[in-house]
Amino acid sequence: MAPGKRNGKRVVFTNGCYDLLHPGHIKLLEAARSMGDALVVGLNSDESVRTLKGADRPVIPNKSAQRFWRTSNAWMPWSSSMN
């Protein structure tokens, strides 16, 4: 299998602190999605978000964010995957 491809499809991966989704995130996700056939989004852990963004973060805990991303495929123009 060629790097970045699965079943002849190009899979794109990005990750981040998506505890507070804003227009910059949407722009990044749309750009990433345009680079392939499927987009896989990784979510930083609550501990990672706290380390990167400060003690008052995450705004939305990882478990709730995972639920959001799992259902987002129904109304957003990209694919999401959670393990």
PDB file of N, CA and C in Angstrom:
ATOM      1  N   MET A   1       0.840  -1.162   0.000  1.00  0.00           N
ATOM      2  CA  MET A   1       0.000   0.000   0.000  1.00  0.00           C
ATOM      3  C   MET A   1       0.896   1.240   0.000  1.00  0.00           C
ATOM      4  N   ALA A   2       0.634   2.165  -0.887  1.00  0.00           N
ATOM      5  CA  ALA A   2       1.402   3.399  -0.960  1.00  0.00           C
ATOM      6  C   ALA A   2       1.108   4.273   0.255  1.00  0.00           C
ATOM      7  N   PRO A   3       2.114   5.047   0.714  1.00  0.00           N
ATOM      8  CA  PRO A   3       1.884   5.922   1.865  1.00  0.00           C
ATOM      9  C   PRO A   3       0.700   6.860   1.616  1.00  0.00           C
ATOM     10  N   GLY A   4      -0.148   6.996   2.624  1.00  0.00           N
ATOM     11  CA  GLY A   4      -1.268   7.921   2.518  1.00  0.00           C
ATOM     12  C   GLY A   4      -2.436   7.424   1.696  1.00  0.00           C
ATOM     13  N   LYS A   5      -2.385   6.186   1.222  1.00  0.00           N
ATOM     14  CA  LYS A   5      -3.481   5.673   0.395  1.00  0.00           C
ATOM     15  C   LYS A   5      -4.053   4.413   1.010  1.00  0.00           C
ATOM     16  N   ARG A   6      -5.346   4.230   0.819  1.00  0.00           N
ATOM     17  CA  ARG A   6      -6.010   3.027   1.298  1.00  0.00           C
ATOM     18  C   ARG A   6      -7.081   2.687   0.277  1.00  0.00           C
ATOM     19  N   ASN A   7      -7.021   1.476  -0.246  1.00  0.00           N
ATOM     20  CA  ASN A   7      -7.991   1.028  -1.248  1.00  0.00           C
ATOM     21  C   ASN A   7      -8.090   2.000  -2.419  1.00  0.00           C
ATOM     22  N   GLY A   8      -6.953   2.539  -2.820  1.00  0.00           N
ATOM     23  CA  GLY A   8      -6.930   3.465  -3.952  1.00  0.00           C
ATOM     24  C   GLY A   8      -7.389   4.870  -3.617  1.00  0.00           C
ATOM     25  N   LYS A   9      -7.714   5.143  -2.381  1.00  0.00           N
ATOM     26  CA  LYS A   9      -8.177   6.458  -1.951  1.00  0.00           C
ATOM     27  C   LYS A   9      -7.079   7.151  -1.159  1.00  0.00           C
ATOM     28  N   ARG A  10      -6.993   8.457  -1.297  1.00  0.00           N
ATOM     29  CA  ARG A  10      -6.022   9.230  -0.519  1.00  0.00           C
ATOM     30  C   ARG A  10      -6.667   9.631   0.800  1.00  0.00           C
ATOM     31  N   VAL A  11      -6.021   9.239   1.892  1.00  0.00           N
ATOM     32  CA  VAL A  11      -6.502   9.544   3.237  1.00  0.00           C
ATOM     33  C   VAL A  11      -5.620  10.653   3.808  1.00  0.00           C
ATOM     34  N   VAL A  12      -6.251  11.701   4.299  1.00  0.00           N
ATOM     35  CA  VAL A  12      -5.553  12.851   4.870  1.00  0.00           C
ATOM     36  C   VAL A  12      -5.808  12.854   6.372  1.00  0.00           C
ATOM     37  N   PHE A  13      -4.763  13.157   7.157  1.00  0.00           N
ATOM     38  CA  PHE A  13      -4.885  13.191   8.611  1.00  0.00           C
ATOM     39  C   PHE A  13      -4.491  14.562   9.131  1.00  0.00           C
ATOM     40  N   THR A  14      -5.244  15.056  10.089  1.00  0.00           N
ATOM     41  CA  THR A  14      -4.858  16.252  10.829  1.00  0.00           C
ATOM     42  C   THR A  14      -5.305  16.067  12.270  1.00  0.00           C
ATOM     43  N   ASN A  15      -4.696  16.806  13.156  1.00  0.00           N
ATOM     44  CA  ASN A  15      -5.132  16.744  14.549  1.00  0.00           C
ATOM     45  C   ASN A  15      -4.987  18.113  15.178  1.00  0.00           C
ATOM     46  N   GLY A  16      -5.575  18.266  16.359  1.00  0.00           N
ATOM     47  CA  GLY A  16      -5.459  19.548  17.037  1.00  0.00           C
ATOM     48  C   GLY A  16      -6.292  19.633  18.288  1.00  0.00           C
ATOM     49  N   CYS A  17      -6.310  20.838  18.830  1.00  0.00           N
ATOM     50  CA  CYS A  17      -7.102  21.160  20.022  1.00  0.00           C
ATOM     51  C   CYS A  17      -8.442  21.696  19.538  1.00  0.00           C
ATOM     52  N   TYR A  18      -9.360  20.803  19.287  1.00  0.00           N
ATOM     53  CA  TYR A  18     -10.666  21.195  18.757  1.00  0.00           C
ATOM     54  C   TYR A  18     -11.720  21.252  19.854  1.00  0.00           C
ATOM     55  N   ASP A  19     -11.316  21.687  21.038  1.00  0.00           N
ATOM     56  CA  ASP A  19     -12.274  21.821  22.139  1.00  0.00           C
ATOM     57  C   ASP A  19     -13.123  23.076  21.979  1.00  0.00           C
ATOM     58  N   LEU A  20     -12.708  23.953  21.115  1.00  0.00           N
ATOM     59  CA  LEU A  20     -13.437  25.177  20.815  1.00  0.00           C
ATOM     60  C   LEU A  20     -13.312  25.400  19.316  1.00  0.00           C
ATOM     61  N   LEU A  21     -14.308  24.994  18.563  1.00  0.00           N
ATOM     62  CA  LEU A  21     -14.253  25.058  17.105  1.00  0.00           C
ATOM     63  C   LEU A  21     -14.525  26.487  16.643  1.00  0.00           C
ATOM     64  N   HIS A  22     -13.635  27.022  15.822  1.00  0.00           N
ATOM     65  CA  HIS A  22     -13.790  28.395  15.326  1.00  0.00           C
ATOM     66  C   HIS A  22     -13.536  28.440  13.822  1.00  0.00           C
ATOM     67  N   PRO A  23     -13.794  29.582  13.164  1.00  0.00           N
ATOM     68  CA  PRO A  23     -13.649  29.664  11.705  1.00  0.00           C
ATOM     69  C   PRO A  23     -12.269  29.263  11.179  1.00  0.00           C
ATOM     70  N   GLY A  24     -11.220  29.511  11.936  1.00  0.00           N
ATOM     71  CA  GLY A  24      -9.882  29.095  11.506  1.00  0.00           C
ATOM     72  C   GLY A  24      -9.768  27.578  11.412  1.00  0.00           C
ATOM     73  N   HIS A  25     -10.395  26.887  12.357  1.00  0.00           N
ATOM     74  CA  HIS A  25     -10.420  25.427  12.297  1.00  0.00           C
ATOM     75  C   HIS A  25     -11.166  24.950  11.061  1.00  0.00           C
ATOM     76  N   ILE A  26     -12.316  25.556  10.795  1.00  0.00           N
ATOM     77  CA  ILE A  26     -13.111  25.160   9.630  1.00  0.00           C
ATOM     78  C   ILE A  26     -12.300  25.334   8.350  1.00  0.00           C
ATOM     79  N   LYS A  27     -11.610  26.468   8.230  1.00  0.00           N
ATOM     80  CA  LYS A  27     -10.776  26.722   7.039  1.00  0.00           C
ATOM     81  C   LYS A  27      -9.689  25.652   6.903  1.00  0.00           C
ATOM     82  N   LEU A  28      -9.020  25.329   8.012  1.00  0.00           N
ATOM     83  CA  LEU A  28      -7.974  24.308   7.999  1.00  0.00           C
ATOM     84  C   LEU A  28      -8.549  22.948   7.614  1.00  0.00           C
ATOM     85  N   LEU A  29      -9.685  22.581   8.202  1.00  0.00           N
ATOM     86  CA  LEU A  29     -10.295  21.278   7.929  1.00  0.00           C
ATOM     87  C   LEU A  29     -10.785  21.181   6.488  1.00  0.00           C
ATOM     88  N   GLU A  30     -11.346  22.252   5.959  1.00  0.00           N
ATOM     89  CA  GLU A  30     -11.772  22.244   4.552  1.00  0.00           C
ATOM     90  C   GLU A  30     -10.568  22.094   3.626  1.00  0.00           C
ATOM     91  N   ALA A  31      -9.470  22.796   3.935  1.00  0.00           N
ATOM     92  CA  ALA A  31      -8.256  22.682   3.122  1.00  0.00           C
ATOM     93  C   ALA A  31      -7.694  21.263   3.191  1.00  0.00           C
ATOM     94  N   ALA A  32      -7.647  20.706   4.400  1.00  0.00           N
ATOM     95  CA  ALA A  32      -7.141  19.337   4.552  1.00  0.00           C
ATOM     96  C   ALA A  32      -8.022  18.364   3.785  1.00  0.00           C
ATOM     97  N   ARG A  33      -9.324  18.521   3.893  1.00  0.00           N
ATOM     98  CA  ARG A  33     -10.264  17.617   3.211  1.00  0.00           C
ATOM     99  C   ARG A  33     -10.092  17.685   1.695  1.00  0.00           C
ATOM    100  N   SER A  34      -9.776  18.864   1.175  1.00  0.00           N
ATOM    101  CA  SER A  34      -9.619  19.015  -0.271  1.00  0.00           C
ATOM    102  C   SER A  34      -8.376  18.305  -0.808  1.00  0.00           C
ATOM    103  N   MET A  35      -7.496  17.880   0.065  1.00  0.00           N
ATOM    104  CA  MET A  35      -6.253  17.212  -0.338  1.00  0.00           C
ATOM    105  C   MET A  35      -6.409  15.719  -0.555  1.00  0.00           C
ATOM    106  N   GLY A  36      -7.576  15.167  -0.273  1.00  0.00           N
ATOM    107  CA  GLY A  36      -7.740  13.727  -0.426  1.00  0.00           C
ATOM    108  C   GLY A  36      -9.188  13.315  -0.502  1.00  0.00           C
ATOM    109  N   ASP A  37      -9.391  12.018  -0.428  1.00  0.00           N
ATOM    110  CA  ASP A  37     -10.733  11.435  -0.533  1.00  0.00           C
ATOM    111  C   ASP A  37     -11.417  11.297   0.818  1.00  0.00           C
ATOM    112  N   ALA A  38     -10.632  11.257   1.885  1.00  0.00           N
ATOM    113  CA  ALA A  38     -11.183  11.125   3.230  1.00  0.00           C
ATOM    114  C   ALA A  38     -10.287  11.873   4.201  1.00  0.00           C
ATOM    115  N   LEU A  39     -10.900  12.472   5.192  1.00  0.00           N
ATOM    116  CA  LEU A  39     -10.167  13.197   6.221  1.00  0.00           C
ATOM    117  C   LEU A  39     -10.368  12.503   7.557  1.00  0.00           C
ATOM    118  N   VAL A  40      -9.274  12.191   8.217  1.00  0.00           N
ATOM    119  CA  VAL A  40      -9.299  11.634   9.561  1.00  0.00           C
ATOM    120  C   VAL A  40      -8.831  12.747  10.497  1.00  0.00           C
ATOM    121  N   VAL A  41      -9.636  13.036  11.517  1.00  0.00           N
ATOM    122  CA  VAL A  41      -9.329  14.113  12.454  1.00  0.00           C
ATOM    123  C   VAL A  41      -8.975  13.516  13.807  1.00  0.00           C
ATOM    124  N   GLY A  42      -7.786  13.835  14.292  1.00  0.00           N
ATOM    125  CA  GLY A  42      -7.361  13.407  15.618  1.00  0.00           C
ATOM    126  C   GLY A  42      -7.598  14.523  16.616  1.00  0.00           C
ATOM    127  N   LEU A  43      -8.073  14.160  17.801  1.00  0.00           N
ATOM    128  CA  LEU A  43      -8.333  15.147  18.844  1.00  0.00           C
ATOM    129  C   LEU A  43      -7.276  15.040  19.937  1.00  0.00           C
ATOM    130  N   ASN A  44      -6.682  16.171  20.297  1.00  0.00           N
ATOM    131  CA  ASN A  44      -5.743  16.169  21.403  1.00  0.00           C
ATOM    132  C   ASN A  44      -6.473  15.786  22.691  1.00  0.00           C
ATOM    133  N   SER A  45      -5.784  15.104  23.585  1.00  0.00           N
ATOM    134  CA  SER A  45      -6.365  14.724  24.874  1.00  0.00           C
ATOM    135  C   SER A  45      -6.596  15.979  25.714  1.00  0.00           C
ATOM    136  N   ASP A  46      -7.440  15.843  26.734  1.00  0.00           N
ATOM    137  CA  ASP A  46      -7.683  16.964  27.644  1.00  0.00           C
ATOM    138  C   ASP A  46      -6.373  17.449  28.265  1.00  0.00           C
ATOM    139  N   GLU A  47      -5.518  16.514  28.667  1.00  0.00           N
ATOM    140  CA  GLU A  47      -4.228  16.871  29.263  1.00  0.00           C
ATOM    141  C   GLU A  47      -3.364  17.662  28.277  1.00  0.00           C
ATOM    142  N   SER A  48      -3.342  17.230  27.034  1.00  0.00           N
ATOM    143  CA  SER A  48      -2.572  17.924  26.005  1.00  0.00           C
ATOM    144  C   SER A  48      -3.122  19.330  25.768  1.00  0.00           C
ATOM    145  N   VAL A  49      -4.436  19.455  25.679  1.00  0.00           N
ATOM    146  CA  VAL A  49      -5.056  20.770  25.468  1.00  0.00           C
ATOM    147  C   VAL A  49      -4.707  21.695  26.639  1.00  0.00           C
ATOM    148  N   ARG A  50      -4.788  21.189  27.861  1.00  0.00           N
ATOM    149  CA  ARG A  50      -4.448  21.986  29.045  1.00  0.00           C
ATOM    150  C   ARG A  50      -2.998  22.458  28.985  1.00  0.00           C
ATOM    151  N   THR A  51      -2.104  21.549  28.600  1.00  0.00           N
ATOM    152  CA  THR A  51      -0.682  21.886  28.507  1.00  0.00           C
ATOM    153  C   THR A  51      -0.436  22.967  27.452  1.00  0.00           C
ATOM    154  N   LEU A  52      -1.103  22.828  26.307  1.00  0.00           N
ATOM    155  CA  LEU A  52      -0.893  23.761  25.196  1.00  0.00           C
ATOM    156  C   LEU A  52      -1.653  25.076  25.334  1.00  0.00           C
ATOM    157  N   LYS A  53      -2.857  25.014  25.920  1.00  0.00           N
ATOM    158  CA  LYS A  53      -3.743  26.178  25.908  1.00  0.00           C
ATOM    159  C   LYS A  53      -3.961  26.829  27.265  1.00  0.00           C
ATOM    160  N   GLY A  54      -3.645  26.133  28.351  1.00  0.00           N
ATOM    161  CA  GLY A  54      -3.793  26.725  29.679  1.00  0.00           C
ATOM    162  C   GLY A  54      -4.746  25.942  30.567  1.00  0.00           C
ATOM    163  N   ALA A  55      -4.701  26.281  31.861  1.00  0.00           N
ATOM    164  CA  ALA A  55      -5.435  25.542  32.882  1.00  0.00           C
ATOM    165  C   ALA A  55      -6.948  25.610  32.713  1.00  0.00           C
ATOM    166  N   ASP A  56      -7.461  26.649  32.046  1.00  0.00           N
ATOM    167  CA  ASP A  56      -8.908  26.781  31.875  1.00  0.00           C
ATOM    168  C   ASP A  56      -9.433  26.035  30.653  1.00  0.00           C
ATOM    169  N   ARG A  57      -8.582  25.277  30.006  1.00  0.00           N
ATOM    170  CA  ARG A  57      -8.978  24.500  28.842  1.00  0.00           C
ATOM    171  C   ARG A  57      -8.883  23.026  29.168  1.00  0.00           C
ATOM    172  N   PRO A  58      -9.579  22.144  28.527  1.00  0.00           N
ATOM    173  CA  PRO A  58     -10.426  22.388  27.360  1.00  0.00           C
ATOM    174  C   PRO A  58     -11.782  22.997  27.741  1.00  0.00           C
ATOM    175  N   VAL A  59     -12.352  23.748  26.799  1.00  0.00           N
ATOM    176  CA  VAL A  59     -13.690  24.302  26.977  1.00  0.00           C
ATOM    177  C   VAL A  59     -14.699  23.161  26.924  1.00  0.00           C
ATOM    178  N   ILE A  60     -14.539  22.289  25.946  1.00  0.00           N
ATOM    179  CA  ILE A  60     -15.375  21.093  25.811  1.00  0.00           C
ATOM    180  C   ILE A  60     -14.461  19.894  26.021  1.00  0.00           C
ATOM    181  N   PRO A  61     -14.728  19.073  27.054  1.00  0.00           N
ATOM    182  CA  PRO A  61     -13.876  17.908  27.321  1.00  0.00           C
ATOM    183  C   PRO A  61     -13.824  16.943  26.136  1.00  0.00           C
ATOM    184  N   ASN A  62     -12.742  16.193  26.060  1.00  0.00           N
ATOM    185  CA  ASN A  62     -12.492  15.291  24.940  1.00  0.00           C
ATOM    186  C   ASN A  62     -13.647  14.334  24.675  1.00  0.00           C
ATOM    187  N   LYS A  63     -14.232  13.749  25.710  1.00  0.00           N
ATOM    188  CA  LYS A  63     -15.338  12.789  25.499  1.00  0.00           C
ATOM    189  C   LYS A  63     -16.507  13.454  24.781  1.00  0.00           C
ATOM    190  N   SER A  64     -16.837  14.687  25.146  1.00  0.00           N
ATOM    191  CA  SER A  64     -17.918  15.413  24.472  1.00  0.00           C
ATOM    192  C   SER A  64     -17.509  15.796  23.056  1.00  0.00           C
ATOM    193  N   ALA A  65     -16.255  16.186  22.891  1.00  0.00           N
ATOM    194  CA  ALA A  65     -15.764  16.537  21.560  1.00  0.00           C
ATOM    195  C   ALA A  65     -15.799  15.318  20.638  1.00  0.00           C
ATOM    196  N   GLN A  66     -15.450  14.138  21.169  1.00  0.00           N
ATOM    197  CA  GLN A  66     -15.510  12.923  20.363  1.00  0.00           C
ATOM    198  C   GLN A  66     -16.934  12.675  19.877  1.00  0.00           C
ATOM    199  N   ARG A  67     -17.889  12.880  20.744  1.00  0.00           N
ATOM    200  CA  ARG A  67     -19.291  12.689  20.367  1.00  0.00           C
ATOM    201  C   ARG A  67     -19.680  13.643  19.234  1.00  0.00           C
ATOM    202  N   PHE A  68     -19.251  14.894  19.349  1.00  0.00           N
ATOM    203  CA  PHE A  68     -19.502  15.884  18.303  1.00  0.00           C
ATOM    204  C   PHE A  68     -18.915  15.425  16.970  1.00  0.00           C
ATOM    205  N   TRP A  69     -17.638  15.020  16.987  1.00  0.00           N
ATOM    206  CA  TRP A  69     -16.977  14.619  15.743  1.00  0.00           C
ATOM    207  C   TRP A  69     -17.581  13.351  15.151  1.00  0.00           C
ATOM    208  N   ARG A  70     -18.006  12.423  16.004  1.00  0.00           N
ATOM    209  CA  ARG A  70     -18.636  11.201  15.490  1.00  0.00           C
ATOM    210  C   ARG A  70     -19.907  11.520  14.712  1.00  0.00           C
ATOM    211  N   THR A  71     -20.654  12.497  15.161  1.00  0.00           N
ATOM    212  CA  THR A  71     -21.914  12.840  14.497  1.00  0.00           C
ATOM    213  C   THR A  71     -21.736  13.882  13.400  1.00  0.00           C
ATOM    214  N   SER A  72     -20.593  14.538  13.338  1.00  0.00           N
ATOM    215  CA  SER A  72     -20.391  15.636  12.385  1.00  0.00           C
ATOM    216  C   SER A  72     -20.460  15.191  10.934  1.00  0.00           C
ATOM    217  N   ASN A  73     -20.150  13.940  10.670  1.00  0.00           N
ATOM    218  CA  ASN A  73     -20.150  13.470   9.287  1.00  0.00           C
ATOM    219  C   ASN A  73     -21.529  13.589   8.638  1.00  0.00           C
ATOM    220  N   ALA A  74     -22.566  13.617   9.443  1.00  0.00           N
ATOM    221  CA  ALA A  74     -23.925  13.726   8.914  1.00  0.00           C
ATOM    222  C   ALA A  74     -24.208  15.121   8.359  1.00  0.00           C
ATOM    223  N   TRP A  75     -23.478  16.139   8.805  1.00  0.00           N
ATOM    224  CA  TRP A  75     -23.794  17.497   8.375  1.00  0.00           C
ATOM    225  C   TRP A  75     -22.597  18.327   7.932  1.00  0.00           C
ATOM    226  N   MET A  76     -21.396  17.739   7.942  1.00  0.00           N
ATOM    227  CA  MET A  76     -20.204  18.446   7.466  1.00  0.00           C
ATOM    228  C   MET A  76     -19.658  17.737   6.223  1.00  0.00           C
ATOM    229  N   PRO A  77     -19.047  18.518   5.307  1.00  0.00           N
ATOM    230  CA  PRO A  77     -18.580  17.931   4.046  1.00  0.00           C
ATOM    231  C   PRO A  77     -17.250  17.200   4.131  1.00  0.00           C
ATOM    232  N   TRP A  78     -16.921  16.618   5.265  1.00  0.00           N
ATOM    233  CA  TRP A  78     -15.711  15.799   5.374  1.00  0.00           C
ATOM    234  C   TRP A  78     -16.028  14.554   6.181  1.00  0.00           C
ATOM    235  N   SER A  79     -15.114  13.630   6.145  1.00  0.00           N
ATOM    236  CA  SER A  79     -15.287  12.401   6.914  1.00  0.00           C
ATOM    237  C   SER A  79     -14.571  12.548   8.239  1.00  0.00           C
ATOM    238  N   SER A  80     -15.104  11.935   9.249  1.00  0.00           N
ATOM    239  CA  SER A  80     -14.421  11.924  10.546  1.00  0.00           C
ATOM    240  C   SER A  80     -14.334  10.492  11.037  1.00  0.00           C
ATOM    241  N   SER A  81     -13.301  10.222  11.817  1.00  0.00           N
ATOM    242  CA  SER A  81     -13.116   8.868  12.317  1.00  0.00           C
ATOM    243  C   SER A  81     -12.586   8.947  13.735  1.00  0.00           C
ATOM    244  N   MET A  82     -13.145   8.126  14.603  1.00  0.00           N
ATOM    245  CA  MET A  82     -12.670   8.053  15.981  1.00  0.00           C
ATOM    246  C   MET A  82     -12.338   6.590  16.295  1.00  0.00           C
ATOM    247  N   ASN A  83     -11.263   6.385  16.999  1.00  0.00           N
ATOM    248  CA  ASN A  83     -10.898   5.033  17.434  1.00  0.00           C
ATOM    249  C   ASN A  83     -11.212   4.878  18.892  1.00  0.00           C
TER     250      ASN A  83
END
